[in-house]
Amino acid sequence: MACAGQAPGQARTSRDAVVGFELRSPETAVIDRKARRSAYADLPGPRRYVLAEPWHRAAIVLEQTGDDWHEIAVVAGTIALPERGIDLALEDICQGVRSPPA
């Protein structure tokens, strides 16, 4: 999660988060896609949530507008994070990640 500042003490969330970022695994895929989406929606920050699927070399970018989340599939190239003024190369995120065992 990209934040404007550091979370105080032992806090696990930050109230000034601008981007949520999850590296999904097969074990957490449903949680990341459903439950965490709701959790991020309850925060005053992030309006963009990236679900990186490194074993597929892909990502889903969820962007919140009002009460709705819009999905953008990224299968090559970069992920734009205008809140931070950067683009992340999908290959850099996936580098070194092996496919899970079948």
N, C-alpha and C. Protein backbone atom coordinates (compact mmCIF):
# COMPACT_ATOMS: atom_id res chain seq x y z
N MET A 1 0.84 -1.15 0.00
CA MET A 1 0.00 0.00 0.00
C MET A 1 0.90 1.23 0.00
N ALA A 2 0.68 2.14 -0.88
CA ALA A 2 1.44 3.39 -0.93
C ALA A 2 0.73 4.41 -0.06
N CYS A 3 1.46 4.98 0.88
CA CYS A 3 0.88 5.94 1.82
C CYS A 3 1.64 7.25 1.77
N ALA A 4 0.96 8.29 2.19
CA ALA A 4 1.62 9.60 2.26
C ALA A 4 2.57 9.65 3.45
N GLY A 5 2.31 8.85 4.46
CA GLY A 5 3.16 8.82 5.65
C GLY A 5 3.22 7.42 6.20
N GLN A 6 3.87 7.27 7.35
CA GLN A 6 4.04 5.96 7.96
C GLN A 6 2.90 5.71 8.95
N ALA A 7 2.41 4.47 9.00
CA ALA A 7 1.36 4.12 9.96
C ALA A 7 1.95 4.17 11.37
N PRO A 8 1.20 4.72 12.33
CA PRO A 8 1.71 4.84 13.70
C PRO A 8 1.83 3.50 14.41
N GLY A 9 2.89 3.35 15.19
CA GLY A 9 3.07 2.18 16.04
C GLY A 9 2.87 0.86 15.34
N GLN A 10 1.99 0.04 15.90
CA GLN A 10 1.71 -1.29 15.36
C GLN A 10 0.52 -1.31 14.41
N ALA A 11 0.05 -0.15 13.97
CA ALA A 11 -1.12 -0.08 13.09
C ALA A 11 -0.88 -0.89 11.82
N ARG A 12 -1.93 -1.58 11.37
CA ARG A 12 -1.82 -2.39 10.15
C ARG A 12 -2.45 -1.69 8.95
N THR A 13 -3.10 -0.57 9.20
CA THR A 13 -3.69 0.20 8.11
C THR A 13 -3.28 1.66 8.25
N SER A 14 -3.37 2.35 7.17
CA SER A 14 -3.06 3.77 7.15
C SER A 14 -4.27 4.52 6.62
N ARG A 15 -4.63 5.60 7.26
CA ARG A 15 -5.81 6.36 6.84
C ARG A 15 -5.50 7.26 5.65
N ASP A 16 -4.22 7.41 5.28
CA ASP A 16 -3.89 8.29 4.15
C ASP A 16 -3.35 7.52 2.95
N ALA A 17 -3.73 6.26 2.84
CA ALA A 17 -3.28 5.42 1.72
C ALA A 17 -3.80 5.99 0.40
N VAL A 18 -2.99 5.89 -0.64
CA VAL A 18 -3.41 6.37 -1.96
C VAL A 18 -3.55 5.25 -2.98
N VAL A 19 -2.84 4.13 -2.80
CA VAL A 19 -2.93 2.99 -3.71
C VAL A 19 -2.82 1.70 -2.89
N GLY A 20 -3.73 0.75 -3.14
CA GLY A 20 -3.63 -0.57 -2.53
C GLY A 20 -2.96 -1.50 -3.52
N PHE A 21 -2.12 -2.40 -3.04
CA PHE A 21 -1.38 -3.28 -3.93
C PHE A 21 -1.31 -4.66 -3.30
N GLU A 22 -1.78 -5.65 -4.01
CA GLU A 22 -1.75 -7.02 -3.53
C GLU A 22 -1.06 -7.91 -4.55
N LEU A 23 -0.16 -8.76 -4.08
CA LEU A 23 0.41 -9.82 -4.91
C LEU A 23 -0.42 -11.06 -4.60
N ARG A 24 -1.24 -11.44 -5.53
CA ARG A 24 -2.15 -12.55 -5.29
C ARG A 24 -1.44 -13.88 -5.36
N SER A 25 -1.95 -14.80 -4.59
CA SER A 25 -1.51 -16.19 -4.68
C SER A 25 -2.77 -17.02 -4.88
N PRO A 26 -2.63 -18.23 -5.35
CA PRO A 26 -3.83 -19.06 -5.55
C PRO A 26 -4.63 -19.23 -4.25
N GLU A 27 -3.94 -19.24 -3.12
CA GLU A 27 -4.62 -19.44 -1.83
C GLU A 27 -5.41 -18.21 -1.40
N THR A 28 -5.03 -17.02 -1.83
CA THR A 28 -5.70 -15.80 -1.37
C THR A 28 -6.48 -15.08 -2.46
N ALA A 29 -6.60 -15.68 -3.63
CA ALA A 29 -7.21 -15.00 -4.78
C ALA A 29 -8.63 -14.51 -4.49
N VAL A 30 -9.46 -15.34 -3.89
CA VAL A 30 -10.84 -14.93 -3.62
C VAL A 30 -10.88 -13.83 -2.57
N ILE A 31 -10.07 -13.95 -1.53
CA ILE A 31 -10.02 -12.92 -0.49
C ILE A 31 -9.57 -11.59 -1.08
N ASP A 32 -8.50 -11.64 -1.88
CA ASP A 32 -7.97 -10.41 -2.47
C ASP A 32 -8.99 -9.73 -3.38
N ARG A 33 -9.72 -10.50 -4.11
CA ARG A 33 -10.65 -9.93 -5.10
C ARG A 33 -11.96 -9.45 -4.49
N LYS A 34 -12.42 -10.08 -3.45
CA LYS A 34 -13.73 -9.73 -2.88
C LYS A 34 -13.62 -8.99 -1.55
N ALA A 35 -13.11 -9.66 -0.52
CA ALA A 35 -13.10 -9.08 0.82
C ALA A 35 -12.22 -7.84 0.92
N ARG A 36 -11.06 -7.89 0.32
CA ARG A 36 -10.16 -6.74 0.42
C ARG A 36 -10.69 -5.55 -0.37
N ARG A 37 -11.38 -5.82 -1.46
CA ARG A 37 -11.99 -4.73 -2.23
C ARG A 37 -12.93 -3.96 -1.31
N SER A 38 -13.74 -4.67 -0.53
CA SER A 38 -14.66 -4.02 0.40
C SER A 38 -13.90 -3.27 1.48
N ALA A 39 -12.83 -3.87 1.97
CA ALA A 39 -12.04 -3.22 3.01
C ALA A 39 -11.42 -1.93 2.49
N TYR A 40 -10.88 -1.95 1.28
CA TYR A 40 -10.30 -0.72 0.71
C TYR A 40 -11.38 0.33 0.47
N ALA A 41 -12.58 -0.10 0.10
CA ALA A 41 -13.66 0.85 -0.16
C ALA A 41 -14.05 1.60 1.11
N ASP A 42 -13.84 0.97 2.28
CA ASP A 42 -14.18 1.61 3.55
C ASP A 42 -13.15 2.63 4.01
N LEU A 43 -11.96 2.62 3.41
CA LEU A 43 -10.93 3.59 3.78
C LEU A 43 -11.18 4.90 3.04
N PRO A 44 -10.79 6.03 3.64
CA PRO A 44 -10.94 7.30 2.93
C PRO A 44 -10.01 7.39 1.73
N GLY A 45 -8.90 6.68 1.77
CA GLY A 45 -7.97 6.61 0.65
C GLY A 45 -8.33 5.44 -0.19
N PRO A 46 -7.48 4.61 -0.58
CA PRO A 46 -7.11 4.43 -1.97
C PRO A 46 -8.31 4.29 -2.90
N ARG A 47 -8.15 4.89 -4.02
CA ARG A 47 -9.17 4.79 -5.06
C ARG A 47 -8.67 3.94 -6.20
N ARG A 48 -7.48 3.37 -6.02
CA ARG A 48 -6.92 2.45 -7.00
C ARG A 48 -6.34 1.28 -6.21
N TYR A 49 -6.62 0.09 -6.70
CA TYR A 49 -6.22 -1.14 -6.03
C TYR A 49 -5.68 -2.08 -7.10
N VAL A 50 -4.45 -2.50 -6.97
CA VAL A 50 -3.80 -3.34 -7.98
C VAL A 50 -3.72 -4.76 -7.44
N LEU A 51 -4.28 -5.70 -8.19
CA LEU A 51 -4.19 -7.12 -7.87
C LEU A 51 -3.22 -7.74 -8.86
N ALA A 52 -1.98 -7.88 -8.47
CA ALA A 52 -0.97 -8.46 -9.35
C ALA A 52 -1.04 -9.98 -9.25
N GLU A 53 -1.03 -10.62 -10.40
CA GLU A 53 -1.05 -12.08 -10.49
C GLU A 53 0.26 -12.51 -11.13
N PRO A 54 1.34 -12.52 -10.36
CA PRO A 54 2.67 -12.73 -10.94
C PRO A 54 2.85 -14.05 -11.66
N TRP A 55 2.17 -15.11 -11.22
CA TRP A 55 2.34 -16.40 -11.90
C TRP A 55 1.68 -16.39 -13.28
N HIS A 56 0.75 -15.46 -13.52
CA HIS A 56 0.14 -15.31 -14.85
C HIS A 56 0.77 -14.16 -15.63
N ARG A 57 1.69 -13.43 -14.99
CA ARG A 57 2.30 -12.26 -15.62
C ARG A 57 1.20 -11.27 -16.03
N ALA A 58 0.29 -11.00 -15.10
CA ALA A 58 -0.84 -10.12 -15.37
C ALA A 58 -1.23 -9.38 -14.09
N ALA A 59 -2.09 -8.42 -14.24
CA ALA A 59 -2.63 -7.69 -13.10
C ALA A 59 -4.02 -7.19 -13.44
N ILE A 60 -4.79 -6.97 -12.41
CA ILE A 60 -6.10 -6.33 -12.55
C ILE A 60 -6.01 -5.05 -11.73
N VAL A 61 -6.32 -3.95 -12.37
CA VAL A 61 -6.33 -2.67 -11.67
C VAL A 61 -7.78 -2.30 -11.45
N LEU A 62 -8.13 -2.07 -10.20
CA LEU A 62 -9.48 -1.66 -9.84
C LEU A 62 -9.42 -0.18 -9.49
N GLU A 63 -10.24 0.61 -10.14
CA GLU A 63 -10.26 2.04 -9.90
C GLU A 63 -11.65 2.42 -9.41
N GLN A 64 -11.71 3.11 -8.27
CA GLN A 64 -12.99 3.47 -7.70
C GLN A 64 -13.41 4.86 -8.14
N THR A 65 -14.64 4.94 -8.63
CA THR A 65 -15.25 6.21 -8.99
C THR A 65 -16.59 6.23 -8.28
N GLY A 66 -16.73 7.09 -7.30
CA GLY A 66 -17.96 7.08 -6.50
C GLY A 66 -18.05 5.78 -5.74
N ASP A 67 -19.16 5.07 -5.90
CA ASP A 67 -19.36 3.78 -5.22
C ASP A 67 -19.01 2.59 -6.09
N ASP A 68 -18.60 2.84 -7.33
CA ASP A 68 -18.33 1.76 -8.27
C ASP A 68 -16.84 1.53 -8.47
N TRP A 69 -16.48 0.25 -8.67
CA TRP A 69 -15.12 -0.13 -9.01
C TRP A 69 -15.09 -0.53 -10.48
N HIS A 70 -14.15 0.01 -11.22
CA HIS A 70 -13.98 -0.34 -12.63
C HIS A 70 -12.70 -1.16 -12.77
N GLU A 71 -12.77 -2.27 -13.50
CA GLU A 71 -11.63 -3.15 -13.67
C GLU A 71 -10.92 -2.87 -14.99
N ILE A 72 -9.59 -2.85 -14.90
CA ILE A 72 -8.74 -2.71 -16.08
C ILE A 72 -7.77 -3.87 -16.05
N ALA A 73 -7.81 -4.75 -17.04
CA ALA A 73 -6.89 -5.88 -17.11
C ALA A 73 -5.58 -5.41 -17.74
N VAL A 74 -4.47 -5.80 -17.13
CA VAL A 74 -3.15 -5.48 -17.67
C VAL A 74 -2.42 -6.80 -17.90
N VAL A 75 -2.09 -7.10 -19.14
CA VAL A 75 -1.41 -8.35 -19.46
C VAL A 75 -0.03 -8.11 -20.06
N ALA A 76 0.31 -6.87 -20.27
CA ALA A 76 1.64 -6.51 -20.79
C ALA A 76 1.84 -5.02 -20.57
N GLY A 77 3.09 -4.61 -20.56
CA GLY A 77 3.36 -3.18 -20.47
C GLY A 77 3.46 -2.68 -19.04
N THR A 78 2.76 -1.58 -18.77
CA THR A 78 2.91 -0.93 -17.47
C THR A 78 1.57 -0.72 -16.79
N ILE A 79 1.66 -0.51 -15.48
CA ILE A 79 0.50 -0.16 -14.67
C ILE A 79 0.67 1.29 -14.27
N ALA A 80 -0.25 2.13 -14.71
CA ALA A 80 -0.18 3.55 -14.39
C ALA A 80 -0.69 3.79 -12.98
N LEU A 81 0.10 4.52 -12.20
CA LEU A 81 -0.30 4.92 -10.85
C LEU A 81 -0.20 6.45 -10.77
N PRO A 82 -1.19 7.15 -11.34
CA PRO A 82 -1.11 8.60 -11.40
C PRO A 82 -1.08 9.26 -10.01
N GLU A 83 -1.60 8.57 -9.00
CA GLU A 83 -1.57 9.12 -7.64
C GLU A 83 -0.14 9.32 -7.16
N ARG A 84 0.76 8.47 -7.64
CA ARG A 84 2.17 8.55 -7.24
C ARG A 84 3.03 9.13 -8.36
N GLY A 85 2.43 9.36 -9.53
CA GLY A 85 3.17 9.92 -10.65
C GLY A 85 4.15 8.95 -11.28
N ILE A 86 3.82 7.64 -11.23
CA ILE A 86 4.73 6.63 -11.79
C ILE A 86 3.97 5.60 -12.60
N ASP A 87 4.70 4.89 -13.42
CA ASP A 87 4.22 3.70 -14.12
C ASP A 87 5.10 2.54 -13.68
N LEU A 88 4.49 1.44 -13.30
CA LEU A 88 5.24 0.24 -12.91
C LEU A 88 5.21 -0.76 -14.05
N ALA A 89 6.37 -1.25 -14.43
CA ALA A 89 6.44 -2.27 -15.47
C ALA A 89 5.94 -3.59 -14.89
N LEU A 90 4.97 -4.18 -15.56
CA LEU A 90 4.41 -5.44 -15.10
C LEU A 90 5.49 -6.51 -14.96
N GLU A 91 6.42 -6.55 -15.89
CA GLU A 91 7.49 -7.55 -15.82
C GLU A 91 8.36 -7.37 -14.57
N ASP A 92 8.57 -6.13 -14.13
CA ASP A 92 9.34 -5.89 -12.91
C ASP A 92 8.63 -6.43 -11.68
N ILE A 93 7.31 -6.32 -11.66
CA ILE A 93 6.53 -6.82 -10.54
C ILE A 93 6.59 -8.34 -10.50
N CYS A 94 6.59 -8.96 -11.67
CA CYS A 94 6.53 -10.43 -11.77
C CYS A 94 7.90 -11.10 -11.75
N GLN A 95 8.95 -10.33 -11.86
CA GLN A 95 10.29 -10.89 -11.96
C GLN A 95 10.61 -11.80 -10.78
N GLY A 96 11.09 -12.98 -11.10
CA GLY A 96 11.53 -13.91 -10.06
C GLY A 96 10.43 -14.74 -9.43
N VAL A 97 9.19 -14.51 -9.81
CA VAL A 97 8.07 -15.26 -9.25
C VAL A 97 7.86 -16.53 -10.08
N ARG A 98 7.82 -17.65 -9.41
CA ARG A 98 7.61 -18.92 -10.09
C ARG A 98 6.14 -19.28 -10.07
N SER A 99 5.73 -20.05 -11.04
CA SER A 99 4.35 -20.53 -11.08
C SER A 99 4.12 -21.46 -9.89
N PRO A 100 2.90 -21.41 -9.31
CA PRO A 100 2.62 -22.31 -8.19
C PRO A 100 2.57 -23.75 -8.68
N PRO A 101 2.85 -24.69 -7.78
CA PRO A 101 2.77 -26.10 -8.17
C PRO A 101 1.36 -26.45 -8.61
N ALA A 102 1.26 -27.34 -9.56
CA ALA A 102 -0.06 -27.75 -10.09
C ALA A 102 -0.76 -28.67 -9.14
